[in-house]
Structure formats: structure tokens, C-alpha cells
Amino acid sequence: MQKLRNDGGSGLVTIPKKYLERDGLFTEAGFPDEHRLIVDRLGRRTYLVRLTDGGSFQELHECEEIQRVAAQKMLEQGGFGEQAQAD
């Protein structure tokens, strides 16, 4: 679990090295000087951090990961906002 720290009045949290390595952002050569990030507030106490790809980024609703979570939620609710019933 990560800790939220005060950084001059803003919240600061670190991303585990193993995740950065998995995405090729941290290598044996070290960590690149700078990456642009987008932080979206999805709801109460829920945030999404995304790295830009060469300075550009997809709109949130276009992100494959967000679409996957939304589709899973729809399936769990029977597709029409109702809780799925077992036969």
C-alpha cells in the first residue's frame, strides 16, 4: 500500500518500481527525467493516473481499460442497470 504525502499543499504518491518496470518506464539505465501524467478524479477517494504517450492522451471514455471495467459492471447488472438474477 502506498502513502499519500504532503508536497507543498498537493498530494504526492509514488508508483511502485515493479509497475514502472513492467511498462518499460524504469530500466537498468534508470528512470527518464520527465513524463507527463494526467490525473482524473473518478469519484470520492477514487483517482486514475495515466501517462501520456508522446504528449498525447486518449479521452477517458476511449481508454480500453475503462471500457473493460464499464462492460464488466454492465454484465454484473444484467446490462440494463438491474442486478442479474440466477435462473
Protein backbone atom coordinates (compact mmCIF):
# COMPACT_ATOMS: atom_id res chain seq x y z
CA MET A 1 0.00 0.00 0.00
CA GLN A 2 1.29 3.45 -0.89
CA LYS A 3 1.18 6.52 1.35
CA LEU A 4 -0.27 9.90 0.44
CA ARG A 5 2.19 12.64 1.42
CA ASN A 6 2.01 16.41 1.58
CA ASP A 7 4.10 18.09 -1.12
CA GLY A 8 3.70 21.84 -0.72
CA GLY A 9 -0.07 21.58 -0.33
CA SER A 10 -0.58 18.93 -3.03
CA GLY A 11 -0.89 15.20 -2.52
CA LEU A 12 2.09 13.09 -3.55
CA VAL A 13 2.04 9.33 -4.04
CA THR A 14 4.63 7.06 -5.61
CA ILE A 15 4.09 4.37 -8.23
CA PRO A 16 5.79 1.08 -7.31
CA LYS A 17 9.00 0.41 -9.25
CA LYS A 18 7.76 -3.03 -10.36
CA TYR A 19 4.84 -1.39 -12.22
CA LEU A 20 7.13 1.14 -13.89
CA GLU A 21 9.49 -1.66 -14.94
CA ARG A 22 6.59 -3.67 -16.34
CA ASP A 23 5.66 -0.74 -18.59
CA GLY A 24 9.24 -0.09 -19.66
CA LEU A 25 9.46 3.24 -17.80
CA PHE A 26 12.18 2.18 -15.39
CA THR A 27 15.08 0.16 -16.77
CA GLU A 28 18.59 -0.80 -15.70
CA ALA A 29 19.69 2.50 -17.26
CA GLY A 30 17.49 4.33 -14.77
CA PHE A 31 14.40 6.46 -14.82
CA PRO A 32 13.78 9.04 -17.57
CA ASP A 33 13.92 12.65 -16.43
CA GLU A 34 10.31 13.54 -17.06
CA HIS A 35 6.96 12.02 -18.00
CA ARG A 36 3.67 13.86 -18.38
CA LEU A 37 0.81 12.48 -16.32
CA ILE A 38 -2.92 13.02 -16.26
CA VAL A 39 -4.81 12.58 -13.01
CA ASP A 40 -8.57 12.12 -13.26
CA ARG A 41 -10.85 12.19 -10.24
CA LEU A 42 -13.39 9.43 -10.87
CA GLY A 43 -15.31 9.82 -7.64
CA ARG A 44 -14.96 10.12 -3.89
CA ARG A 45 -11.47 8.86 -2.96
CA THR A 46 -11.02 7.35 -6.44
CA TYR A 47 -8.35 8.64 -8.83
CA LEU A 48 -6.91 7.42 -12.09
CA VAL A 49 -3.32 8.21 -13.09
CA ARG A 50 -2.35 7.92 -16.76
CA LEU A 51 0.94 8.60 -18.53
CA THR A 52 0.74 10.42 -21.81
CA ASP A 53 2.01 8.71 -24.93
CA GLY A 54 4.35 11.15 -26.63
CA GLY A 55 2.45 14.13 -25.22
CA SER A 56 -1.00 12.97 -26.33
CA PHE A 57 -3.62 11.00 -24.49
CA GLN A 58 -6.99 9.39 -25.10
CA GLU A 59 -10.17 10.79 -23.65
CA LEU A 60 -11.11 8.84 -20.55
CA HIS A 61 -14.14 7.15 -22.18
CA GLU A 62 -11.87 5.96 -25.04
CA CYS A 63 -9.43 4.09 -22.76
CA GLU A 64 -9.61 0.33 -23.24
CA GLU A 65 -9.19 -0.31 -19.50
CA ILE A 66 -12.09 1.99 -18.61
CA GLN A 67 -14.29 0.39 -21.28
CA ARG A 68 -13.44 -3.06 -19.89
CA VAL A 69 -14.45 -2.07 -16.35
CA ALA A 70 -17.68 -0.47 -17.62
CA ALA A 71 -18.55 -3.59 -19.63
CA GLN A 72 -17.91 -5.83 -16.62
CA LYS A 73 -20.19 -3.65 -14.48
CA MET A 74 -22.93 -3.83 -17.11
CA LEU A 75 -22.67 -7.64 -17.24
CA GLU A 76 -22.88 -7.85 -13.45
CA GLN A 77 -26.01 -5.69 -13.52
CA GLY A 78 -27.71 -7.59 -16.32
CA GLY A 79 -26.84 -4.97 -18.92
CA PHE A 80 -29.67 -2.59 -18.01
CA GLY A 81 -28.74 -1.41 -14.55
CA GLU A 82 -30.56 -4.22 -12.76
CA GLN A 83 -28.87 -6.87 -10.66
CA ALA A 84 -28.58 -10.11 -12.66
CA GLN A 85 -30.83 -12.90 -11.35
CA ALA A 86 -29.81 -16.56 -11.22
CA ASP A 87 -32.08 -18.99 -13.08
